[in-house]
Amino acid sequence: MAVKIRLKRMGKKRNPYYRIVVANATSPRDGRFIEEIGSYDPNQNPSTFSVNEEAAKKWLNNGAQPTEIVQKIFNLAGITK
């Protein structure tokens, strides 16, 4: 089972915010997920995010692959493998 760390879209039309979730690679973007580990709001100036560092490191060590955007957020937060 391939596991990805990716964004789940929430919010109203034209006013999105995202949750950072750990999900099976075959599940839909806004479908089932294993664990929620943070949030990201691109509507703020500057964009705001919060990440549970312990959970993110645990999933990265277990082999979960982050998407490009999530990897950028992790780099800003100082989270590496």
Protein backbone atom coordinates (compact mmCIF):
# COMPACT_ATOMS: atom_id res chain seq x y z
CA MET A 1 0.00 0.00 0.00
CA ALA A 2 1.53 3.31 -1.12
CA VAL A 3 0.98 6.14 1.34
CA LYS A 4 1.17 9.82 0.46
CA ILE A 5 1.16 13.00 2.51
CA ARG A 6 -1.00 15.46 0.59
CA LEU A 7 -3.51 18.29 0.81
CA LYS A 8 -7.25 17.84 1.33
CA ARG A 9 -9.31 20.80 0.07
CA MET A 10 -11.80 22.39 2.44
CA GLY A 11 -13.72 25.67 2.50
CA LYS A 12 -16.12 27.51 0.23
CA LYS A 13 -15.95 28.25 -3.48
CA ARG A 14 -13.08 30.62 -4.29
CA ASN A 15 -12.04 30.56 -0.61
CA PRO A 16 -10.16 27.31 -0.08
CA TYR A 17 -8.04 26.16 2.80
CA TYR A 18 -6.34 22.83 3.08
CA ARG A 19 -5.65 20.12 5.61
CA ILE A 20 -2.41 18.15 5.41
CA VAL A 21 -3.39 14.48 5.57
CA VAL A 22 -1.79 11.06 5.27
CA ALA A 23 -3.77 8.98 2.78
CA ASN A 24 -3.61 5.90 0.61
CA ALA A 25 -2.36 6.88 -2.86
CA THR A 26 -5.43 5.38 -4.54
CA SER A 27 -8.04 7.26 -2.48
CA PRO A 28 -9.63 10.45 -3.93
CA ARG A 29 -8.28 13.91 -3.07
CA ASP A 30 -11.05 14.71 -0.59
CA GLY A 31 -11.83 11.09 0.31
CA ARG A 32 -10.71 8.81 3.11
CA PHE A 33 -7.49 9.50 4.92
CA ILE A 34 -5.44 7.81 7.62
CA GLU A 35 -4.44 10.78 9.78
CA GLU A 36 -4.62 14.58 9.73
CA ILE A 37 -1.26 16.15 10.57
CA GLY A 38 -1.69 19.85 9.82
CA SER A 39 -3.35 22.69 7.94
CA TYR A 40 -2.47 25.25 5.27
CA ASP A 41 -4.28 28.52 4.47
CA PRO A 42 -3.10 30.22 1.25
CA ASN A 43 -5.67 33.04 1.60
CA GLN A 44 -3.78 34.80 4.39
CA ASN A 45 -1.05 37.28 3.55
CA PRO A 46 1.48 35.70 4.07
CA SER A 47 0.18 32.14 3.81
CA THR A 48 -0.13 30.35 7.13
CA PHE A 49 0.42 26.70 7.99
CA SER A 50 0.67 24.48 11.03
CA VAL A 51 2.17 21.00 11.12
CA ASN A 52 2.38 18.36 13.84
CA GLU A 53 6.13 17.72 13.53
CA GLU A 54 6.16 14.44 15.46
CA ALA A 55 3.45 12.89 13.30
CA ALA A 56 5.05 14.17 10.07
CA LYS A 57 8.45 12.72 10.98
CA LYS A 58 6.84 9.42 11.99
CA TRP A 59 5.11 9.06 8.61
CA LEU A 60 8.20 10.14 6.66
CA ASN A 61 10.29 7.53 8.50
CA ASN A 62 7.64 4.90 7.73
CA GLY A 63 7.98 5.60 3.99
CA ALA A 64 5.15 8.03 3.20
CA GLN A 65 5.90 10.24 0.17
CA PRO A 66 4.93 13.95 0.40
CA THR A 67 3.60 15.77 -2.66
CA GLU A 68 5.52 18.79 -4.03
CA ILE A 69 3.48 21.40 -2.17
CA VAL A 70 3.60 19.47 1.10
CA GLN A 71 7.38 19.05 0.69
CA LYS A 72 7.71 22.86 0.35
CA ILE A 73 5.62 23.36 3.50
CA PHE A 74 7.77 20.82 5.36
CA ASN A 75 10.93 22.65 4.23
CA LEU A 76 9.53 25.95 5.57
CA ALA A 77 8.67 24.22 8.84
CA GLY A 78 12.15 22.65 9.07
CA ILE A 79 10.94 19.05 8.77
CA THR A 80 13.23 16.66 6.93
CA LYS A 81 13.60 12.89 6.79
